[in-house]
Each structure stands twice: as C-alpha cells, then as structure tokens.
C-alpha cells in the first residue's frame, strides 16, 4: 500500500495545525409568510466559531442537535460556502478558493457520514464505491488491488468488494465508508456522527478501528457527536457548541474532569457512566426550557435562558472565550470548575 499522504508533507504538517478555523460564520437566508406579507430573515447556524487541530490529533465537536456542528463540518470542507471567517488546511486558506483550485486539496480532506447506508449508492458494489474517488481524481495504479488493501485495513475481507451495501450489517457498512474515505490517503477526516446510527455493541469496534487507523496513518480527525461520552477516549481536545457558538474548548482531560461552563456540566451529567458505583454518586443537571430558535437567538449569552447562573450582565453582552489555564477557554461570566467523579481521560 502506498505511504499515507500525511508522511509526504511531514515538515509542513508539524509547523502549522492541520486545520485552523477562526471566526467562522454561516448564515442562511429564510423567507416566511405572515398573511400577504413576505418576511425575510436569517438563520445564524454558526457564529464566530474558532478552533484548531494539530496534525495527528482529534478534536471532538459536541453539542445538542441543531447546535451547528454539521454546518461547521461542511464549511470546513467547503461543501458549504462560509459567510465569513477563515478555514486553513495546513496553512492554506480555503475560504474564497475557486472550485478548480480546491479540487487537489479534496484528496487530503475526506468525510465519513452519519448514516452508513444512505451514504453508499445501493446500485454500486462495495468495490466500485471505494474505487469511485480514485476514478474521479484520476489516481493511477491498480484500483482493484487498492480496494482489496483498504478492505483489509478496515477489517473486512477483500472478496467483500463484490457485494452490495444491503448485504452488510450497519457496522460493516460504516467500515466501508471509512475505507472509501481512506482511498485517497487523506490527512484530515471529518467524522460526522459516525457511530450514532449503530448499535451500542458495534460502536466500540468502529471507535477502536478509528483510533488504530489514526495511529498507523497519522490521521487528523474532526469528530462530531451529540454525546460527550462517545468521544471521550478518542479526543485530544473538545469543543462544546450551543446554538451556533462555542461555549467551552480545551484539552479533553480538563473538559471531562473539571468542566467550567454550565452547559458542558449539564451535557456531562446526562452521559451514562458504566461504573454503577460512580453513577450513583453523580448528580444529574436538568436544564429547564427549550433551545431558542436560531432565527432569533437571545441577546448576550445564548445559553442564558436555560442557565442556572444567569444574571443581568449575561443578557447585556456576549461573553468571550477566555483562557482559564491549560488551554481551557470558556465563554461564561461565571465559570466554575466542577470536578467530576468520573475517571481521568487517557489516550
């Protein structure tokens, strides 16, 4: 098998982050009818999101459904055009780049989708689906041999190339999706809820596969999930989103063991703990109210309408992400580290 692309530009990958996102904004225009009048507005899907991923590392991007995680992923890959902000891949600015210029970079940035069945063409055999990126990008070489190597790499048999997607289980189909993402030897893979559609018993096998591939190939991951417990042992750093904003970001160990934002604390308290003794000691934080509409988000802090610590200042001005030590940045006027009884995160 050919050497992974990450090793071909090692000096450059070590000198700058694999991915750097600064003040990313994505706004969608909308129209609504009120009687005979057409009212125009915007949905603020992503608002000034910033984070970075070092080469060979994983950032877990977590938050409730509708928080803007998948929109961030599509803006990173330029599948959606950002309204404003910066997205740099290995130091190269992607925002504003023409489709022709960005095409070569797409080989180094790939995506694994949430639904392993919907992301595969049911009319194509697995072998043809994996070989399709090689054909589109006109990669020279023996495509059949490359497909066989990729299937073995993700724990499937080479003769599975002749089968169709419906002949596989959900976990196997997701392994096919991962193999297809690896076909062009990328450096960065965006994983959009890659295990949420799988049975719990299957999730661990796919997560272990992703960790093994990262170690062997030097991959960088943007791992998107709505469940903090899913990304606990794969992420080097974690960013927590709420209603299009990053509430807290920092090293995984600090986020999990001493979260400072009330929203992060609530998310962690909702994640089940497999150890019954630890689970009995935990106190569940139940948030009141519903998530506000992104069409008309609250003034100031977007979380204030559900926050138990909210005060007048929270409505007046939006809090900035402030570093509270160790790279843990929190957008809150009243941050407070709350040690959890969960075990320390290890990698």
Protein backbone atom coordinates (compact mmCIF):
# COMPACT_ATOMS: atom_id res chain seq x y z
CA UNK A 1 0.00 0.00 0.00
CA UNK A 2 1.26 3.48 -0.77
CA UNK A 3 2.65 5.64 2.01
CA UNK A 4 -0.02 7.80 3.67
CA UNK A 5 -0.22 11.38 2.42
CA UNK A 6 0.48 12.76 5.87
CA UNK A 7 4.05 11.45 5.67
CA UNK A 8 4.69 13.18 2.35
CA UNK A 9 4.47 16.68 3.80
CA UNK A 10 5.68 15.98 7.31
CA UNK A 11 7.69 19.19 7.83
CA UNK A 12 4.78 21.38 6.84
CA UNK A 13 2.28 19.37 8.89
CA UNK A 14 4.45 19.75 12.02
CA UNK A 15 4.94 23.51 11.65
CA UNK A 16 1.27 24.53 11.38
CA UNK A 17 -2.02 23.00 12.56
CA UNK A 18 -3.62 20.51 10.22
CA UNK A 19 -6.80 22.58 10.50
CA UNK A 20 -7.30 26.09 11.84
CA UNK A 21 -10.75 27.69 11.98
CA UNK A 22 -11.08 31.35 13.02
CA UNK A 23 -14.33 33.30 13.50
CA UNK A 24 -16.29 31.02 11.17
CA UNK A 25 -19.79 32.35 10.38
CA UNK A 26 -22.55 30.72 8.35
CA UNK A 27 -25.89 32.44 7.87
CA UNK A 28 -28.80 31.02 5.87
CA UNK A 29 -31.41 33.43 4.44
CA UNK A 30 -35.05 32.43 5.01
CA UNK A 31 -38.48 33.66 3.98
CA UNK A 32 -41.77 33.31 5.82
CA UNK A 33 -45.34 34.36 5.10
CA UNK A 34 -47.34 36.49 7.52
CA UNK A 35 -50.69 36.98 5.84
CA UNK A 36 -49.96 38.58 2.49
CA UNK A 37 -46.51 39.79 3.57
CA UNK A 38 -43.22 38.02 2.88
CA UNK A 39 -40.90 38.37 5.85
CA UNK A 40 -37.20 37.86 5.20
CA UNK A 41 -34.76 36.81 7.86
CA UNK A 42 -31.66 34.76 8.54
CA UNK A 43 -30.76 31.64 10.49
CA UNK A 44 -27.50 32.08 12.38
CA UNK A 45 -26.32 28.49 12.08
CA UNK A 46 -22.68 29.16 13.02
CA UNK A 47 -21.46 32.33 14.72
CA UNK A 48 -17.73 33.09 15.11
CA UNK A 49 -16.55 29.55 15.80
CA UNK A 50 -12.80 29.11 16.31
CA UNK A 51 -10.66 26.02 16.97
CA UNK A 52 -7.59 24.21 15.65
CA UNK A 53 -6.47 20.61 15.22
CA UNK A 54 -2.82 19.62 15.40
CA UNK A 55 -1.51 17.07 12.93
CA UNK A 56 -2.30 13.54 14.06
CA UNK A 57 -4.73 14.70 16.77
CA UNK A 58 -8.50 14.61 17.29
CA UNK A 59 -10.89 17.42 18.16
CA UNK A 60 -14.30 16.32 19.39
CA UNK A 61 -17.03 18.80 18.43
CA UNK A 62 -20.08 18.12 20.60
CA UNK A 63 -23.46 19.66 21.30
CA UNK A 64 -27.19 19.08 21.05
CA UNK A 65 -28.93 18.51 17.73
CA UNK A 66 -29.27 21.82 15.92
CA UNK A 67 -26.23 23.40 17.55
CA UNK A 68 -24.46 23.84 14.19
CA UNK A 69 -21.92 21.00 14.35
CA UNK A 70 -22.65 19.53 10.92
CA UNK A 71 -22.75 23.01 9.37
CA UNK A 72 -19.26 23.62 10.74
CA UNK A 73 -18.11 20.33 9.18
CA UNK A 74 -19.48 21.22 5.76
CA UNK A 75 -17.98 24.71 5.93
CA UNK A 76 -14.60 23.21 6.85
CA UNK A 77 -14.71 21.02 3.73
CA UNK A 78 -16.14 23.89 1.65
CA UNK A 79 -19.25 21.87 0.86
CA UNK A 80 -20.98 25.00 2.15
CA UNK A 81 -19.53 28.44 1.49
CA UNK A 82 -18.89 30.25 4.79
CA UNK A 83 -20.48 33.68 5.19
CA UNK A 84 -17.24 34.92 6.74
CA UNK A 85 -14.24 33.73 8.70
CA UNK A 86 -11.14 31.70 7.95
CA UNK A 87 -10.54 27.99 7.37
CA UNK A 88 -6.92 26.99 6.87
CA UNK A 89 -5.77 23.50 5.96
CA UNK A 90 -2.03 23.04 6.52
CA UNK A 91 -1.72 26.83 6.41
CA UNK A 92 -3.62 27.19 3.11
CA UNK A 93 -6.70 29.41 3.23
CA UNK A 94 -9.72 27.60 1.81
CA UNK A 95 -12.35 30.32 2.09
CA UNK A 96 -12.66 32.13 -1.22
CA UNK A 97 -10.70 29.49 -3.11
CA UNK A 98 -12.11 28.57 -6.50
CA UNK A 99 -13.54 25.13 -7.14
CA UNK A 100 -10.70 24.39 -9.56
CA UNK A 101 -8.01 25.35 -7.05
CA UNK A 102 -9.55 23.45 -4.16
CA UNK A 103 -10.03 20.23 -6.12
CA UNK A 104 -6.49 18.88 -5.48
CA UNK A 105 -6.87 19.57 -1.75
CA UNK A 106 -10.03 17.48 -1.56
CA UNK A 107 -7.85 14.37 -1.80
CA UNK A 108 -6.40 15.27 1.62
CA UNK A 109 -9.74 16.14 3.27
CA UNK A 110 -12.40 13.45 3.42
CA UNK A 111 -15.64 12.81 5.31
CA UNK A 112 -17.41 9.87 6.94
CA UNK A 113 -21.17 10.39 7.16
CA UNK A 114 -23.66 9.54 9.89
CA UNK A 115 -25.85 7.06 8.03
CA UNK A 116 -23.69 4.25 6.62
CA UNK A 117 -26.47 3.07 4.32
CA UNK A 118 -27.63 6.39 2.87
CA UNK A 119 -24.04 7.41 2.12
CA UNK A 120 -23.50 4.39 -0.16
CA UNK A 121 -25.08 4.02 -3.60
CA UNK A 122 -27.18 0.83 -3.40
CA UNK A 123 -26.62 0.23 -7.14
CA UNK A 124 -22.83 0.05 -6.77
CA UNK A 125 -20.86 -2.84 -5.36
CA UNK A 126 -18.71 -2.02 -2.37
CA UNK A 127 -15.60 -2.32 -4.56
CA UNK A 128 -16.93 0.23 -7.05
CA UNK A 129 -17.97 2.59 -4.25
CA UNK A 130 -14.49 2.53 -2.71
CA UNK A 131 -12.81 2.88 -6.12
CA UNK A 132 -15.01 5.82 -7.17
CA UNK A 133 -12.80 8.52 -5.53
CA UNK A 134 -9.76 7.03 -7.27
CA UNK A 135 -11.52 7.32 -10.62
CA UNK A 136 -12.79 10.86 -10.02
CA UNK A 137 -9.33 12.11 -9.08
CA UNK A 138 -7.68 10.06 -11.84
CA UNK A 139 -5.34 8.22 -9.47
CA UNK A 140 -3.03 5.90 -11.36
CA UNK A 141 -2.43 2.30 -10.38
CA UNK A 142 -4.28 -0.93 -9.83
CA UNK A 143 -7.62 0.16 -8.36
CA UNK A 144 -8.79 -3.39 -7.60
CA UNK A 145 -5.66 -4.06 -5.57
CA UNK A 146 -6.05 -0.76 -3.73
CA UNK A 147 -9.67 -1.61 -2.88
CA UNK A 148 -8.60 -5.01 -1.51
CA UNK A 149 -5.93 -3.32 0.65
CA UNK A 150 -8.46 -0.81 2.01
CA UNK A 151 -10.99 -3.50 2.87
CA UNK A 152 -8.36 -5.42 4.81
CA UNK A 153 -7.28 -2.19 6.51
CA UNK A 154 -10.77 -1.68 7.97
CA UNK A 155 -11.24 -5.30 9.00
CA UNK A 156 -13.20 -6.65 6.02
CA UNK A 157 -12.31 -9.41 3.55
CA UNK A 158 -11.10 -8.48 0.04
CA UNK A 159 -13.82 -10.59 -1.57
CA UNK A 160 -16.43 -8.32 0.05
CA UNK A 161 -15.73 -5.93 -2.83
CA UNK A 162 -18.19 -7.90 -4.97
CA UNK A 163 -21.11 -7.43 -2.56
CA UNK A 164 -23.71 -4.66 -2.44
CA UNK A 165 -24.34 -2.41 0.60
CA UNK A 166 -27.57 -4.17 1.60
CA UNK A 167 -25.60 -7.38 2.16
CA UNK A 168 -23.71 -5.85 5.08
CA UNK A 169 -24.59 -5.01 8.66
CA UNK A 170 -24.61 -1.38 9.82
CA UNK A 171 -21.17 -1.65 11.38
CA UNK A 172 -19.74 -3.26 8.25
CA UNK A 173 -21.26 -0.55 6.05
CA UNK A 174 -19.63 2.11 8.19
CA UNK A 175 -16.30 0.33 7.77
CA UNK A 176 -16.88 0.52 4.01
CA UNK A 177 -17.50 4.25 4.38
CA UNK A 178 -14.24 4.62 6.29
CA UNK A 179 -12.39 2.63 3.61
CA UNK A 180 -13.78 4.94 0.93
CA UNK A 181 -12.66 7.98 2.93
CA UNK A 182 -9.14 6.50 3.13
CA UNK A 183 -8.91 5.71 -0.58
CA UNK A 184 -7.14 8.98 -1.48
CA UNK A 185 -4.78 8.83 1.53
CA UNK A 186 -6.10 11.96 3.26
CA UNK A 187 -4.55 13.79 6.17
CA UNK A 188 -7.81 15.12 7.66
CA UNK A 189 -11.04 13.16 8.07
CA UNK A 190 -14.28 14.78 9.24
CA UNK A 191 -16.39 12.22 11.09
CA UNK A 192 -19.99 13.43 11.29
CA UNK A 193 -21.73 11.34 13.98
CA UNK A 194 -20.04 8.18 12.62
CA UNK A 195 -21.40 5.79 15.26
CA UNK A 196 -24.72 7.35 16.31
CA UNK A 197 -26.69 5.16 13.84
CA UNK A 198 -25.01 1.97 15.10
CA UNK A 199 -25.91 -0.40 17.93
CA UNK A 200 -24.02 0.27 21.14
CA UNK A 201 -22.33 -3.13 20.87
CA UNK A 202 -20.96 -2.17 17.43
CA UNK A 203 -19.87 1.37 18.32
CA UNK A 204 -16.81 0.27 20.32
CA UNK A 205 -15.42 -1.74 17.40
CA UNK A 206 -15.70 1.19 15.00
CA UNK A 207 -14.17 3.59 17.55
CA UNK A 208 -11.25 1.22 18.13
CA UNK A 209 -10.76 0.97 14.36
CA UNK A 210 -10.63 4.78 14.04
CA UNK A 211 -8.03 5.01 16.80
CA UNK A 212 -5.92 2.28 15.23
CA UNK A 213 -6.05 3.97 11.81
CA UNK A 214 -5.06 7.30 13.34
CA UNK A 215 -2.02 5.72 14.98
CA UNK A 216 -0.95 3.82 11.85
CA UNK A 217 -1.60 6.55 9.27
CA UNK A 218 -1.07 9.76 11.23
CA UNK A 219 -4.60 11.00 10.54
CA UNK A 220 -6.18 14.14 11.99
CA UNK A 221 -9.85 13.87 12.98
CA UNK A 222 -12.68 16.34 13.43
CA UNK A 223 -15.07 14.09 15.34
CA UNK A 224 -18.65 15.36 15.60
CA UNK A 225 -21.09 13.93 18.13
CA UNK A 226 -24.01 14.96 20.31
CA UNK A 227 -22.93 12.62 23.11
CA UNK A 228 -19.83 13.59 25.09
CA UNK A 229 -19.28 10.01 26.23
CA UNK A 230 -18.85 8.84 22.62
CA UNK A 231 -15.77 10.99 22.01
CA UNK A 232 -14.34 10.63 25.49
CA UNK A 233 -11.44 8.31 24.74
CA UNK A 234 -10.68 9.33 21.16
CA UNK A 235 -10.41 13.13 21.52
CA UNK A 236 -7.27 15.05 22.43
CA UNK A 237 -9.32 18.24 22.72
CA UNK A 238 -13.04 19.01 22.88
CA UNK A 239 -15.17 21.96 21.73
CA UNK A 240 -18.72 22.26 23.08
CA UNK A 241 -21.25 24.08 20.88
CA UNK A 242 -24.63 25.57 21.73
CA UNK A 243 -26.87 27.38 19.26
CA UNK A 244 -24.04 28.08 16.80
CA UNK A 245 -21.48 29.20 19.38
CA UNK A 246 -18.55 27.50 21.11
CA UNK A 247 -19.22 27.58 24.86
CA UNK A 248 -16.07 25.80 26.02
CA UNK A 249 -12.99 24.36 24.34
CA UNK A 250 -9.82 22.80 25.67
CA UNK A 251 -7.88 19.60 26.37
CA UNK A 252 -10.16 16.59 26.79
CA UNK A 253 -8.82 15.80 30.26
CA UNK A 254 -9.78 19.25 31.58
CA UNK A 255 -13.16 19.32 29.83
CA UNK A 256 -14.19 15.94 31.20
CA UNK A 257 -12.73 16.14 34.69
CA UNK A 258 -13.22 19.84 35.52
CA UNK A 259 -15.77 21.42 33.12
CA UNK A 260 -16.29 25.13 33.76
CA UNK A 261 -19.28 26.09 31.61
CA UNK A 262 -22.76 25.23 32.98
CA UNK A 263 -23.78 23.79 29.60
CA UNK A 264 -20.77 21.45 29.47
CA UNK A 265 -21.54 20.32 33.01
CA UNK A 266 -25.14 19.56 32.04
CA UNK A 267 -24.08 17.57 28.98
CA UNK A 268 -21.61 15.52 31.01
CA UNK A 269 -24.16 14.81 33.71
CA UNK A 270 -26.51 13.39 31.07
CA UNK A 271 -23.90 10.95 29.74
CA UNK A 272 -24.29 7.49 31.36
CA UNK A 273 -21.39 6.14 33.41
CA UNK A 274 -20.73 2.38 33.03
CA UNK A 275 -19.42 2.04 36.61
CA UNK A 276 -22.52 1.70 38.86
CA UNK A 277 -20.68 2.97 41.95
CA UNK A 278 -19.64 6.16 40.14
CA UNK A 279 -23.08 6.53 38.55
CA UNK A 280 -24.74 6.50 41.98
CA UNK A 281 -22.51 9.38 43.14
CA UNK A 282 -23.28 11.62 40.16
CA UNK A 283 -25.87 14.36 40.28
CA UNK A 284 -27.91 14.92 37.12
CA UNK A 285 -28.21 18.53 35.95
CA UNK A 286 -31.56 19.03 34.24
CA UNK A 287 -31.81 22.12 32.03
CA UNK A 288 -35.12 23.96 32.00
CA UNK A 289 -36.83 25.27 28.89
CA UNK A 290 -36.20 24.60 25.22
CA UNK A 291 -33.36 25.54 22.91
CA UNK A 292 -34.13 29.02 21.48
CA UNK A 293 -34.67 29.49 17.76
CA UNK A 294 -31.51 30.30 15.74
CA UNK A 295 -33.67 32.75 13.80
CA UNK A 296 -33.95 34.93 16.89
CA UNK A 297 -31.25 33.91 19.41
CA UNK A 298 -31.15 35.51 22.88
CA UNK A 299 -29.12 38.67 23.40
CA UNK A 300 -25.80 38.36 25.16
CA UNK A 301 -25.01 34.77 26.11
CA UNK A 302 -27.10 32.39 24.03
CA UNK A 303 -27.31 29.91 26.88
CA UNK A 304 -28.61 32.39 29.46
CA UNK A 305 -32.31 31.47 29.01
CA UNK A 306 -31.56 27.97 30.36
CA UNK A 307 -28.57 28.73 32.60
CA UNK A 308 -28.95 28.42 36.40
CA UNK A 309 -26.22 31.04 36.90
CA UNK A 310 -27.60 33.70 34.54
CA UNK A 311 -27.58 37.32 35.72
CA UNK A 312 -28.30 40.70 34.13
CA UNK A 313 -24.81 41.00 32.62
CA UNK A 314 -25.40 37.78 30.66
CA UNK A 315 -28.17 39.48 28.67
CA UNK A 316 -26.28 42.71 28.06
CA UNK A 317 -23.13 41.49 26.33
CA UNK A 318 -21.95 38.24 24.81
CA UNK A 319 -19.12 36.65 26.82
CA UNK A 320 -15.84 35.99 25.04
CA UNK A 321 -13.87 32.76 25.14
CA UNK A 322 -11.37 33.39 27.94
CA UNK A 323 -8.44 31.10 28.74
CA UNK A 324 -8.59 29.91 32.36
CA UNK A 325 -5.34 27.99 32.24
CA UNK A 326 -4.07 24.92 30.46
CA UNK A 327 -5.74 25.96 27.20
CA UNK A 328 -9.25 25.63 28.65
CA UNK A 329 -11.26 28.53 27.19
CA UNK A 330 -14.76 29.29 28.45
CA UNK A 331 -17.40 31.76 27.22
CA UNK A 332 -19.06 32.49 30.57
CA UNK A 333 -19.11 35.37 33.04
CA UNK A 334 -19.35 32.98 35.99
CA UNK A 335 -17.19 29.95 35.15
CA UNK A 336 -16.61 27.44 37.89
CA UNK A 337 -14.62 24.23 37.64
CA UNK A 338 -16.72 21.32 38.87
CA UNK A 339 -14.63 18.18 39.42
CA UNK A 340 -16.48 15.07 38.33
CA UNK A 341 -16.30 11.66 39.92
CA UNK A 342 -15.60 10.10 36.52
CA UNK A 343 -12.13 8.58 35.89
CA UNK A 344 -9.41 10.60 34.24
CA UNK A 345 -9.35 10.57 30.44
CA UNK A 346 -6.43 8.60 29.00
CA UNK A 347 -5.24 8.14 25.43
